[in-house]
């Protein structure tokens, strides 16, 4: 049973990676921000849901600035 769950988890994350790649999250040379990383991670985790109409987004406008 554990092997089946592991295989399903790997398949889920692979589909999420494909969804993120289709959205162009890996190919862009844009600035890295909380929003960009959050969108990418959320798309990978919720990847299969993208194919049934869900469009996950994350908003980090109020995130604290890093110390210098």
Protein backbone atom coordinates (compact mmCIF):
# COMPACT_ATOMS: atom_id res chain seq x y z
CA UNK A 1 0.00 0.00 0.00
CA UNK A 2 2.85 2.38 0.82
CA UNK A 3 4.30 1.89 -2.66
CA UNK A 4 1.00 2.84 -4.27
CA UNK A 5 0.75 6.01 -2.20
CA UNK A 6 4.35 6.91 -3.08
CA UNK A 7 3.71 6.33 -6.77
CA UNK A 8 0.57 8.48 -6.65
CA UNK A 9 2.46 11.26 -4.86
CA UNK A 10 5.24 11.21 -7.44
CA UNK A 11 2.71 11.23 -10.30
CA UNK A 12 0.83 14.13 -8.63
CA UNK A 13 4.02 16.21 -8.32
CA UNK A 14 5.13 15.39 -11.88
CA UNK A 15 1.78 16.59 -13.22
CA UNK A 16 2.19 19.72 -11.09
CA UNK A 17 5.65 20.27 -12.52
CA UNK A 18 4.22 19.97 -16.03
CA UNK A 19 1.51 22.50 -15.15
CA UNK A 20 4.14 24.93 -13.80
CA UNK A 21 6.27 24.48 -16.92
CA UNK A 22 3.26 25.15 -19.16
CA UNK A 23 2.68 28.41 -17.29
CA UNK A 24 6.31 29.39 -17.93
CA UNK A 25 7.43 29.41 -14.30
CA UNK A 26 10.76 27.68 -15.01
CA UNK A 27 11.87 29.38 -18.22
CA UNK A 28 11.55 33.05 -17.30
CA UNK A 29 14.56 35.08 -16.23
CA UNK A 30 12.43 37.35 -14.05
CA UNK A 31 13.17 38.64 -10.58
CA UNK A 32 12.51 36.13 -7.84
CA UNK A 33 9.92 37.31 -5.33
CA UNK A 34 7.65 35.76 -2.75
CA UNK A 35 4.78 35.85 -5.23
CA UNK A 36 6.72 34.12 -8.00
CA UNK A 37 8.03 31.38 -5.72
CA UNK A 38 4.62 30.98 -4.08
CA UNK A 39 2.85 30.69 -7.42
CA UNK A 40 5.36 28.10 -8.64
CA UNK A 41 5.21 25.96 -5.49
CA UNK A 42 1.44 26.20 -5.27
CA UNK A 43 1.09 25.21 -8.92
CA UNK A 44 3.34 22.18 -8.41
CA UNK A 45 1.49 21.06 -5.28
CA UNK A 46 -1.97 21.67 -6.73
CA UNK A 47 -0.93 20.75 -10.27
CA UNK A 48 -3.60 18.23 -11.21
CA UNK A 49 -6.28 20.65 -10.03
CA UNK A 50 -5.16 23.07 -12.77
CA UNK A 51 -6.49 20.67 -15.38
CA UNK A 52 -10.00 20.71 -13.89
CA UNK A 53 -10.29 24.51 -13.84
CA UNK A 54 -8.68 25.60 -10.55
CA UNK A 55 -6.24 28.53 -10.78
CA UNK A 56 -4.27 28.73 -7.51
CA UNK A 57 -2.60 32.04 -6.64
CA UNK A 58 -0.85 33.35 -3.56
CA UNK A 59 -0.58 36.96 -2.40
CA UNK A 60 2.46 38.05 -0.38
CA UNK A 61 2.11 41.83 -0.54
CA UNK A 62 2.39 42.15 3.24
CA UNK A 63 5.46 39.93 3.63
CA UNK A 64 8.24 41.54 5.71
CA UNK A 65 11.37 42.76 3.94
CA UNK A 66 14.60 40.83 4.66
CA UNK A 67 17.12 42.44 7.00
CA UNK A 68 20.24 43.93 5.45
